[in-house]
Amino acid sequence: MRPAAAALLLAALAGCAGMRPGAEQVLDADQVIGEAIAAARAPAPEQKAALSRAQEAFVSSKGALERLRLGALLTLLPPPARDDARAAELLDPLSDASRPGIGRYAALLSAEVAERRRLARELERAARESDRLAKDRERADKERDKREEGLRQQLEALRSIERGILEREDRMRRKQR
C-alpha cells in the first residue's frame, strides 16, 4: 500500500506543478536544500562525497540548480569543507528574495554567509583590540615597575641618609660625654 500512496502523492505533486508555473523549480530547489541539510548531518566521508558530486555537476552543467546545490553545501557543511567566499560567489548571482525557490533559498544562504563573514570580521577586530589592550597593559606594567624601582631606590637612599645622620648624632653624643 505504501508504494501506491507514494505514487499517488508524486502524481498529485506533479499535477500541482503543472497548475502553477515555476512550481517544479521550487520543488527542485527544495530538494537541493534538503540534500544539503542531510549532507551537513552526515559523517565527514559522506560530506566530502556529496561536495565532490556537486562540484562535478556544477562544472559539467553550470545551471542555477547546480550552482545552488554547490553553494548550499559550501555554506552548510562544517569546516574544513565550508568555503564562505566560494559560496558567496556562487549564490550572489542567484539571490533574489522575491523569486520563489532558487532565488529565495540563495538569498537565505547568502544572508547566512554574509552574517558569518561579518561575525568573523568582528571577531578579528575584537582580537586585534584585545592584543592592543594587552600590549598597552604590558607597557603600563613596565612603566609602573620602573616607577616602583625608582621609588625603592629613593627610599633606600633616604634610609641610607637617615642612617648616616643617626650615626653622626651618635658619634657626637659619645664625644660630648
N, C-alpha and C. Protein backbone atom coordinates (compact mmCIF):
# COMPACT_ATOMS: atom_id res chain seq x y z
N MET A 1 0.81 -1.19 0.00
CA MET A 1 0.00 0.00 0.00
C MET A 1 0.86 1.26 0.00
N ARG A 2 1.99 1.22 0.66
CA ARG A 2 2.84 2.41 0.72
C ARG A 2 3.36 2.84 -0.64
N PRO A 3 3.84 1.95 -1.48
CA PRO A 3 4.29 2.39 -2.80
C PRO A 3 3.17 3.06 -3.58
N ALA A 4 1.97 2.56 -3.40
CA ALA A 4 0.84 3.17 -4.10
C ALA A 4 0.58 4.57 -3.56
N ALA A 5 0.69 4.75 -2.26
CA ALA A 5 0.48 6.07 -1.65
C ALA A 5 1.56 7.04 -2.09
N ALA A 6 2.78 6.55 -2.19
CA ALA A 6 3.87 7.41 -2.63
C ALA A 6 3.67 7.82 -4.09
N ALA A 7 3.22 6.87 -4.90
CA ALA A 7 2.96 7.19 -6.31
C ALA A 7 1.83 8.20 -6.44
N LEU A 8 0.81 8.03 -5.61
CA LEU A 8 -0.31 8.96 -5.63
C LEU A 8 0.14 10.36 -5.21
N LEU A 9 0.97 10.43 -4.17
CA LEU A 9 1.48 11.72 -3.72
C LEU A 9 2.34 12.37 -4.79
N LEU A 10 3.18 11.58 -5.44
CA LEU A 10 4.02 12.10 -6.51
C LEU A 10 3.18 12.61 -7.67
N ALA A 11 2.14 11.88 -8.01
CA ALA A 11 1.24 12.30 -9.09
C ALA A 11 0.52 13.59 -8.72
N ALA A 12 0.12 13.70 -7.46
CA ALA A 12 -0.55 14.91 -7.00
C ALA A 12 0.39 16.11 -7.07
N LEU A 13 1.64 15.91 -6.64
CA LEU A 13 2.61 16.99 -6.71
C LEU A 13 2.89 17.38 -8.15
N ALA A 14 3.00 16.41 -9.02
CA ALA A 14 3.24 16.71 -10.42
C ALA A 14 2.06 17.48 -11.00
N GLY A 15 0.86 17.11 -10.59
CA GLY A 15 -0.33 17.83 -11.04
C GLY A 15 -0.33 19.26 -10.55
N CYS A 16 0.07 19.46 -9.29
CA CYS A 16 0.14 20.82 -8.74
C CYS A 16 1.20 21.63 -9.47
N ALA A 17 2.30 20.98 -9.81
CA ALA A 17 3.38 21.68 -10.51
C ALA A 17 2.91 22.12 -11.89
N GLY A 18 2.07 21.31 -12.50
CA GLY A 18 1.55 21.68 -13.81
C GLY A 18 0.57 22.83 -13.75
N MET A 19 -0.12 22.98 -12.63
CA MET A 19 -1.10 24.05 -12.49
C MET A 19 -0.46 25.39 -12.15
N ARG A 20 0.66 25.35 -11.49
CA ARG A 20 1.32 26.58 -11.06
C ARG A 20 2.67 26.70 -11.73
N PRO A 21 2.87 27.72 -12.57
CA PRO A 21 4.17 27.86 -13.25
C PRO A 21 5.29 28.07 -12.25
N GLY A 22 6.41 27.41 -12.48
CA GLY A 22 7.58 27.56 -11.61
C GLY A 22 7.56 26.64 -10.42
N ALA A 23 6.46 25.89 -10.23
CA ALA A 23 6.37 25.02 -9.06
C ALA A 23 7.42 23.93 -9.09
N GLU A 24 7.72 23.43 -10.28
CA GLU A 24 8.72 22.38 -10.40
C GLU A 24 10.09 22.90 -9.96
N GLN A 25 10.41 24.14 -10.31
CA GLN A 25 11.68 24.74 -9.92
C GLN A 25 11.74 24.89 -8.40
N VAL A 26 10.61 25.27 -7.80
CA VAL A 26 10.55 25.40 -6.34
C VAL A 26 10.79 24.05 -5.69
N LEU A 27 10.15 23.01 -6.22
CA LEU A 27 10.33 21.67 -5.67
C LEU A 27 11.77 21.19 -5.85
N ASP A 28 12.36 21.48 -7.00
CA ASP A 28 13.75 21.11 -7.24
C ASP A 28 14.68 21.82 -6.25
N ALA A 29 14.44 23.10 -6.04
CA ALA A 29 15.27 23.88 -5.10
C ALA A 29 15.10 23.34 -3.68
N ASP A 30 13.86 22.99 -3.33
CA ASP A 30 13.60 22.43 -2.01
C ASP A 30 14.34 21.11 -1.84
N GLN A 31 14.36 20.30 -2.87
CA GLN A 31 15.06 19.02 -2.82
C GLN A 31 16.57 19.26 -2.65
N VAL A 32 17.12 20.23 -3.36
CA VAL A 32 18.54 20.55 -3.26
C VAL A 32 18.89 20.95 -1.83
N ILE A 33 18.07 21.81 -1.24
CA ILE A 33 18.33 22.25 0.14
C ILE A 33 18.20 21.08 1.10
N GLY A 34 17.21 20.22 0.89
CA GLY A 34 17.07 19.02 1.72
C GLY A 34 18.30 18.13 1.65
N GLU A 35 18.82 17.96 0.44
CA GLU A 35 20.04 17.15 0.27
C GLU A 35 21.22 17.79 0.98
N ALA A 36 21.33 19.11 0.90
CA ALA A 36 22.45 19.81 1.56
C ALA A 36 22.35 19.68 3.08
N ILE A 37 21.14 19.78 3.61
CA ILE A 37 20.96 19.62 5.06
C ILE A 37 21.31 18.20 5.48
N ALA A 38 20.86 17.22 4.69
CA ALA A 38 21.20 15.82 5.00
C ALA A 38 22.70 15.61 4.95
N ALA A 39 23.36 16.19 3.97
CA ALA A 39 24.82 16.06 3.86
C ALA A 39 25.52 16.71 5.05
N ALA A 40 25.01 17.84 5.51
CA ALA A 40 25.63 18.53 6.65
C ALA A 40 25.54 17.68 7.91
N ARG A 41 24.54 16.84 8.00
CA ARG A 41 24.36 15.98 9.18
C ARG A 41 25.08 14.65 9.04
N ALA A 42 25.56 14.35 7.85
CA ALA A 42 26.20 13.06 7.57
C ALA A 42 27.64 13.04 8.08
N PRO A 43 28.23 11.86 8.14
CA PRO A 43 29.66 11.75 8.52
C PRO A 43 30.55 12.44 7.48
N ALA A 44 31.74 12.77 7.88
CA ALA A 44 32.68 13.52 7.03
C ALA A 44 32.93 12.88 5.66
N PRO A 45 33.12 11.56 5.57
CA PRO A 45 33.34 10.99 4.23
C PRO A 45 32.15 11.21 3.29
N GLU A 46 30.94 11.09 3.83
CA GLU A 46 29.76 11.33 3.01
C GLU A 46 29.66 12.80 2.61
N GLN A 47 30.07 13.69 3.51
CA GLN A 47 30.06 15.12 3.19
C GLN A 47 31.01 15.41 2.03
N LYS A 48 32.20 14.82 2.10
CA LYS A 48 33.19 15.03 1.04
C LYS A 48 32.68 14.49 -0.29
N ALA A 49 32.03 13.33 -0.25
CA ALA A 49 31.50 12.73 -1.47
C ALA A 49 30.39 13.60 -2.06
N ALA A 50 29.50 14.11 -1.21
CA ALA A 50 28.42 14.98 -1.68
C ALA A 50 28.99 16.25 -2.29
N LEU A 51 29.99 16.82 -1.65
CA LEU A 51 30.62 18.04 -2.17
C LEU A 51 31.30 17.76 -3.52
N SER A 52 31.97 16.64 -3.61
CA SER A 52 32.64 16.27 -4.85
C SER A 52 31.62 16.08 -5.99
N ARG A 53 30.51 15.40 -5.69
CA ARG A 53 29.46 15.21 -6.72
C ARG A 53 28.89 16.56 -7.15
N ALA A 54 28.66 17.45 -6.19
CA ALA A 54 28.08 18.76 -6.51
C ALA A 54 29.05 19.58 -7.36
N GLN A 55 30.35 19.49 -7.07
CA GLN A 55 31.33 20.23 -7.86
C GLN A 55 31.39 19.69 -9.29
N GLU A 56 31.35 18.38 -9.42
CA GLU A 56 31.36 17.78 -10.76
C GLU A 56 30.12 18.17 -11.55
N ALA A 57 28.95 18.15 -10.88
CA ALA A 57 27.71 18.52 -11.56
C ALA A 57 27.74 19.99 -11.97
N PHE A 58 28.31 20.84 -11.12
CA PHE A 58 28.38 22.26 -11.46
C PHE A 58 29.32 22.50 -12.63
N VAL A 59 30.46 21.83 -12.63
CA VAL A 59 31.42 22.00 -13.71
C VAL A 59 30.82 21.55 -15.05
N SER A 60 30.07 20.48 -15.01
CA SER A 60 29.52 19.96 -16.27
C SER A 60 28.30 20.74 -16.75
N SER A 61 27.54 21.35 -15.82
CA SER A 61 26.29 22.00 -16.24
C SER A 61 26.28 23.51 -16.05
N LYS A 62 26.77 23.99 -14.91
CA LYS A 62 26.77 25.41 -14.54
C LYS A 62 25.37 26.01 -14.50
N GLY A 63 24.36 25.16 -14.34
CA GLY A 63 22.99 25.63 -14.24
C GLY A 63 22.70 26.21 -12.87
N ALA A 64 21.57 26.90 -12.75
CA ALA A 64 21.20 27.54 -11.49
C ALA A 64 21.02 26.52 -10.37
N LEU A 65 20.42 25.39 -10.68
CA LEU A 65 20.19 24.38 -9.66
C LEU A 65 21.51 23.79 -9.16
N GLU A 66 22.44 23.54 -10.06
CA GLU A 66 23.75 23.01 -9.65
C GLU A 66 24.53 24.06 -8.88
N ARG A 67 24.38 25.31 -9.28
CA ARG A 67 25.02 26.43 -8.57
C ARG A 67 24.47 26.50 -7.14
N LEU A 68 23.14 26.37 -7.00
CA LEU A 68 22.51 26.39 -5.68
C LEU A 68 22.98 25.19 -4.86
N ARG A 69 23.04 24.02 -5.47
CA ARG A 69 23.45 22.80 -4.76
C ARG A 69 24.86 22.98 -4.19
N LEU A 70 25.79 23.41 -5.03
CA LEU A 70 27.18 23.57 -4.58
C LEU A 70 27.28 24.70 -3.55
N GLY A 71 26.59 25.80 -3.81
CA GLY A 71 26.61 26.91 -2.84
C GLY A 71 26.03 26.51 -1.50
N ALA A 72 24.95 25.73 -1.52
CA ALA A 72 24.33 25.28 -0.27
C ALA A 72 25.28 24.38 0.50
N LEU A 73 25.94 23.48 -0.18
CA LEU A 73 26.88 22.60 0.51
C LEU A 73 28.05 23.39 1.08
N LEU A 74 28.58 24.31 0.30
CA LEU A 74 29.71 25.12 0.79
C LEU A 74 29.31 26.01 1.96
N THR A 75 28.03 26.31 2.07
CA THR A 75 27.52 27.13 3.17
C THR A 75 27.20 26.28 4.40
N LEU A 76 26.58 25.13 4.19
CA LEU A 76 26.03 24.35 5.30
C LEU A 76 26.98 23.31 5.88
N LEU A 77 27.95 22.86 5.09
CA LEU A 77 28.88 21.86 5.62
C LEU A 77 29.78 22.49 6.67
N PRO A 78 30.20 21.70 7.64
CA PRO A 78 31.10 22.24 8.67
C PRO A 78 32.52 22.38 8.11
N PRO A 79 33.35 23.21 8.76
CA PRO A 79 34.74 23.30 8.34
C PRO A 79 35.38 21.92 8.41
N PRO A 80 36.29 21.57 7.59
CA PRO A 80 37.01 22.37 6.61
C PRO A 80 36.34 22.41 5.24
N ALA A 81 35.23 21.72 5.07
CA ALA A 81 34.56 21.70 3.76
C ALA A 81 33.88 23.04 3.46
N ARG A 82 33.55 23.78 4.50
CA ARG A 82 32.86 25.07 4.31
C ARG A 82 33.80 26.06 3.64
N ASP A 83 33.24 26.82 2.70
CA ASP A 83 34.01 27.85 2.00
C ASP A 83 33.07 29.03 1.73
N ASP A 84 33.03 29.95 2.66
CA ASP A 84 32.10 31.08 2.56
C ASP A 84 32.37 31.96 1.35
N ALA A 85 33.62 32.17 1.01
CA ALA A 85 33.93 33.04 -0.12
C ALA A 85 33.42 32.43 -1.42
N ARG A 86 33.68 31.17 -1.62
CA ARG A 86 33.20 30.49 -2.84
C ARG A 86 31.67 30.39 -2.83
N ALA A 87 31.09 30.11 -1.68
CA ALA A 87 29.63 30.03 -1.58
C ALA A 87 28.99 31.36 -1.96
N ALA A 88 29.55 32.46 -1.46
CA ALA A 88 29.00 33.78 -1.80
C ALA A 88 29.13 34.04 -3.29
N GLU A 89 30.25 33.64 -3.86
CA GLU A 89 30.48 33.82 -5.29
C GLU A 89 29.44 33.06 -6.12
N LEU A 90 29.07 31.87 -5.64
CA LEU A 90 28.08 31.06 -6.36
C LEU A 90 26.65 31.54 -6.13
N LEU A 91 26.34 31.95 -4.90
CA LEU A 91 24.96 32.25 -4.54
C LEU A 91 24.51 33.67 -4.87
N ASP A 92 25.43 34.63 -4.82
CA ASP A 92 25.04 36.03 -5.03
C ASP A 92 24.31 36.27 -6.36
N PRO A 93 24.77 35.68 -7.48
CA PRO A 93 24.03 35.91 -8.73
C PRO A 93 22.61 35.35 -8.71
N LEU A 94 22.36 34.35 -7.86
CA LEU A 94 21.03 33.72 -7.80
C LEU A 94 20.12 34.41 -6.79
N SER A 95 20.69 35.12 -5.84
CA SER A 95 19.93 35.68 -4.71
C SER A 95 18.90 36.69 -5.17
N ASP A 96 17.66 36.36 -4.92
CA ASP A 96 16.54 37.25 -5.21
C ASP A 96 15.38 36.80 -4.33
N ALA A 97 15.20 37.46 -3.21
CA ALA A 97 14.20 37.05 -2.23
C ALA A 97 12.78 37.12 -2.78
N SER A 98 12.57 37.84 -3.85
CA SER A 98 11.23 37.94 -4.42
C SER A 98 10.93 36.80 -5.39
N ARG A 99 11.96 36.00 -5.71
CA ARG A 99 11.78 34.90 -6.66
C ARG A 99 11.67 33.58 -5.89
N PRO A 100 10.54 32.90 -5.96
CA PRO A 100 10.37 31.65 -5.20
C PRO A 100 11.38 30.59 -5.61
N GLY A 101 11.67 29.72 -4.69
CA GLY A 101 12.56 28.60 -4.98
C GLY A 101 14.01 28.99 -4.92
N ILE A 102 14.69 28.86 -6.03
CA ILE A 102 16.14 29.08 -6.09
C ILE A 102 16.52 30.46 -5.58
N GLY A 103 15.80 31.49 -6.00
CA GLY A 103 16.14 32.86 -5.59
C GLY A 103 16.06 33.06 -4.09
N ARG A 104 14.99 32.57 -3.48
CA ARG A 104 14.82 32.74 -2.03
C ARG A 104 15.82 31.91 -1.24
N TYR A 105 16.02 30.66 -1.65
CA TYR A 105 16.99 29.83 -0.94
C TYR A 105 18.39 30.44 -1.07
N ALA A 106 18.72 30.90 -2.25
CA ALA A 106 20.03 31.51 -2.46
C ALA A 106 20.17 32.77 -1.60
N ALA A 107 19.09 33.57 -1.51
CA ALA A 107 19.13 34.78 -0.69
C ALA A 107 19.31 34.41 0.79
N LEU A 108 18.63 33.38 1.23
CA LEU A 108 18.77 32.93 2.63
C LEU A 108 20.19 32.47 2.91
N LEU A 109 20.73 31.65 2.02
CA LEU A 109 22.10 31.16 2.22
C LEU A 109 23.12 32.29 2.11
N SER A 110 22.88 33.22 1.20
CA SER A 110 23.78 34.38 1.07
C SER A 110 23.77 35.21 2.35
N ALA A 111 22.60 35.36 2.93
CA ALA A 111 22.50 36.10 4.20
C ALA A 111 23.27 35.39 5.30
N GLU A 112 23.20 34.07 5.32
CA GLU A 112 23.94 33.28 6.31
C GLU A 112 25.44 33.48 6.14
N VAL A 113 25.89 33.43 4.89
CA VAL A 113 27.32 33.62 4.60
C VAL A 113 27.74 35.03 4.99
N ALA A 114 26.93 36.02 4.63
CA ALA A 114 27.26 37.41 4.97
C ALA A 114 27.34 37.60 6.48
N GLU A 115 26.44 36.98 7.22
CA GLU A 115 26.45 37.10 8.68
C GLU A 115 27.70 36.43 9.26
N ARG A 116 28.06 35.27 8.76
CA ARG A 116 29.28 34.61 9.25
C ARG A 116 30.51 35.44 8.94
N ARG A 117 30.55 36.04 7.76
CA ARG A 117 31.68 36.90 7.41
C ARG A 117 31.73 38.12 8.32
N ARG A 118 30.56 38.71 8.60
CA ARG A 118 30.50 39.87 9.49
C ARG A 118 31.00 39.48 10.88
N LEU A 119 30.55 38.33 11.38
CA LEU A 119 30.99 37.87 12.69
C LEU A 119 32.48 37.58 12.71
N ALA A 120 33.00 37.04 11.61
CA ALA A 120 34.45 36.77 11.53
C ALA A 120 35.23 38.08 11.57
N ARG A 121 34.75 39.09 10.83
CA ARG A 121 35.43 40.40 10.86
C ARG A 121 35.36 41.00 12.26
N GLU A 122 34.20 40.88 12.89
CA GLU A 122 34.03 41.41 14.24
C GLU A 122 34.95 40.69 15.22
N LEU A 123 35.04 39.38 15.09
CA LEU A 123 35.93 38.60 15.95
C LEU A 123 37.38 39.00 15.73
N GLU A 124 37.76 39.19 14.48
CA GLU A 124 39.12 39.61 14.16
C GLU A 124 39.41 41.00 14.75
N ARG A 125 38.44 41.91 14.62
CA ARG A 125 38.60 43.24 15.18
C ARG A 125 38.74 43.17 16.70
N ALA A 126 37.91 42.34 17.34
CA ALA A 126 37.98 42.18 18.79
C ALA A 126 39.32 41.58 19.21
N ALA A 127 39.84 40.65 18.43
CA ALA A 127 41.14 40.04 18.73
C ALA A 127 42.25 41.08 18.62
N ARG A 128 42.17 41.92 17.57
CA ARG A 128 43.18 42.98 17.43
C ARG A 128 43.09 43.95 18.61
N GLU A 129 41.87 44.30 18.99
CA GLU A 129 41.67 45.22 20.12
C GLU A 129 42.20 44.59 21.41
N SER A 130 41.96 43.31 21.58
CA SER A 130 42.45 42.60 22.76
C SER A 130 43.98 42.60 22.78
N ASP A 131 44.59 42.36 21.63
CA ASP A 131 46.06 42.39 21.54
C ASP A 131 46.59 43.78 21.88
N ARG A 132 45.92 44.80 21.35
CA ARG A 132 46.35 46.17 21.61
C ARG A 132 46.24 46.47 23.11
N LEU A 133 45.12 46.06 23.72
CA LEU A 133 44.94 46.30 25.15
C LEU A 133 45.98 45.54 25.97
N ALA A 134 46.30 44.33 25.55
CA ALA A 134 47.31 43.54 26.26
C ALA A 134 48.67 44.22 26.17
N LYS A 135 49.01 44.75 25.00
CA LYS A 135 50.28 45.46 24.84
C LYS A 135 50.29 46.74 25.68
N ASP A 136 49.16 47.46 25.67
CA ASP A 136 49.07 48.67 26.49
C ASP A 136 49.23 48.33 27.97
N ARG A 137 48.59 47.23 28.40
CA ARG A 137 48.68 46.81 29.80
C ARG A 137 50.12 46.41 30.13
N GLU A 138 50.77 45.72 29.20
CA GLU A 138 52.15 45.32 29.41
C GLU A 138 53.06 46.54 29.53
N ARG A 139 52.84 47.51 28.65
CA ARG A 139 53.62 48.75 28.68
C ARG A 139 53.39 49.49 30.01
N ALA A 140 52.12 49.57 30.42
CA ALA A 140 51.80 50.25 31.68
C ALA A 140 52.43 49.51 32.86
N ASP A 141 52.44 48.17 32.81
CA ASP A 141 53.06 47.39 33.89
C ASP A 141 54.57 47.66 33.94
N LYS A 142 55.21 47.75 32.79
CA LYS A 142 56.65 48.04 32.76
C LYS A 142 56.94 49.43 33.32
N GLU A 143 56.10 50.40 32.93
CA GLU A 143 56.29 51.76 33.45
C GLU A 143 56.08 51.79 34.96
N ARG A 144 55.06 51.06 35.43
CA ARG A 144 54.80 51.01 36.88
C ARG A 144 55.98 50.37 37.59
N ASP A 145 56.51 49.28 37.01
CA ASP A 145 57.66 48.61 37.63
C ASP A 145 58.86 49.55 37.70
N LYS A 146 59.07 50.35 36.63
CA LYS A 146 60.18 51.31 36.63
C LYS A 146 59.98 52.35 37.72
N ARG A 147 58.74 52.87 37.82
CA ARG A 147 58.46 53.87 38.86
C ARG A 147 58.68 53.27 40.25
N GLU A 148 58.21 52.03 40.45
CA GLU A 148 58.38 51.38 41.75
C GLU A 148 59.86 51.19 42.06
N GLU A 149 60.62 50.79 41.05
CA GLU A 149 62.06 50.61 41.27
C GLU A 149 62.72 51.94 41.60
N GLY A 150 62.32 53.00 40.91
CA GLY A 150 62.86 54.32 41.22
C GLY A 150 62.49 54.75 42.63
N LEU A 151 61.26 54.50 43.03
CA LEU A 151 60.84 54.84 44.39
C LEU A 151 61.59 54.00 45.42
N ARG A 152 61.82 52.73 45.14
CA ARG A 152 62.59 51.89 46.07
C ARG A 152 64.01 52.43 46.23
N GLN A 153 64.60 52.82 45.11
CA GLN A 153 65.96 53.37 45.17
C GLN A 153 65.98 54.67 45.97
N GLN A 154 64.98 55.52 45.76
CA GLN A 154 64.91 56.77 46.53
C GLN A 154 64.72 56.47 48.01
N LEU A 155 63.85 55.50 48.32
CA LEU A 155 63.62 55.13 49.72
C LEU A 155 64.89 54.60 50.34
N GLU A 156 65.60 53.75 49.61
CA GLU A 156 66.86 53.21 50.12
C GLU A 156 67.88 54.33 50.33
N ALA A 157 67.91 55.29 49.40
CA ALA A 157 68.82 56.42 49.55
C ALA A 157 68.45 57.23 50.80
N LEU A 158 67.14 57.47 51.00
CA LEU A 158 66.71 58.20 52.19
C LEU A 158 67.06 57.44 53.47
N ARG A 159 66.90 56.15 53.48
CA ARG A 159 67.26 55.34 54.65
C ARG A 159 68.75 55.41 54.92
N SER A 160 69.52 55.39 53.82
CA SER A 160 70.96 55.48 53.96
C SER A 160 71.35 56.83 54.56
N ILE A 161 70.69 57.90 54.08
CA ILE A 161 70.95 59.25 54.63
C ILE A 161 70.57 59.28 56.10
N GLU A 162 69.39 58.69 56.41
CA GLU A 162 68.93 58.67 57.80
C GLU A 162 69.91 57.92 58.69
N ARG A 163 70.41 56.78 58.22
CA ARG A 163 71.38 56.02 58.99
C ARG A 163 72.65 56.85 59.21
N GLY A 164 73.08 57.54 58.14
CA GLY A 164 74.27 58.39 58.27
C GLY A 164 74.06 59.49 59.30
N ILE A 165 72.87 60.12 59.30
CA ILE A 165 72.58 61.18 60.28
C ILE A 165 72.57 60.60 61.69
N LEU A 166 71.90 59.45 61.85
CA LEU A 166 71.84 58.83 63.18
C LEU A 166 73.23 58.44 63.67
N GLU A 167 74.06 57.93 62.79
CA GLU A 167 75.42 57.56 63.18
C GLU A 167 76.21 58.80 63.58
N ARG A 168 76.06 59.91 62.83
CA ARG A 168 76.75 61.14 63.17
C ARG A 168 76.29 61.66 64.54
N GLU A 169 74.99 61.65 64.76
CA GLU A 169 74.46 62.11 66.04
C GLU A 169 74.97 61.24 67.17
N ASP A 170 75.05 59.94 66.94
CA ASP A 170 75.52 59.01 67.96
C ASP A 170 77.00 59.29 68.26
N ARG A 171 77.80 59.54 67.25
CA ARG A 171 79.23 59.86 67.45
C ARG A 171 79.37 61.16 68.21
N MET A 172 78.53 62.15 67.87
CA MET A 172 78.61 63.45 68.55
C MET A 172 78.24 63.30 70.02
N ARG A 173 77.29 62.48 70.34
CA ARG A 173 76.90 62.25 71.73
C ARG A 173 78.04 61.58 72.51
N ARG A 174 78.70 60.66 71.87
CA ARG A 174 79.80 59.96 72.52
C ARG A 174 80.95 60.91 72.78
N LYS A 175 81.19 61.84 71.84
CA LYS A 175 82.28 62.80 72.02
C LYS A 175 81.94 63.76 73.15
N GLN A 176 80.70 64.09 73.29
CA GLN A 176 80.29 65.03 74.33
C GLN A 176 80.38 64.39 75.71
N ARG A 177 80.40 63.19 75.89
CA ARG A 177 80.47 62.53 77.16
C ARG A 177 81.86 62.48 77.61
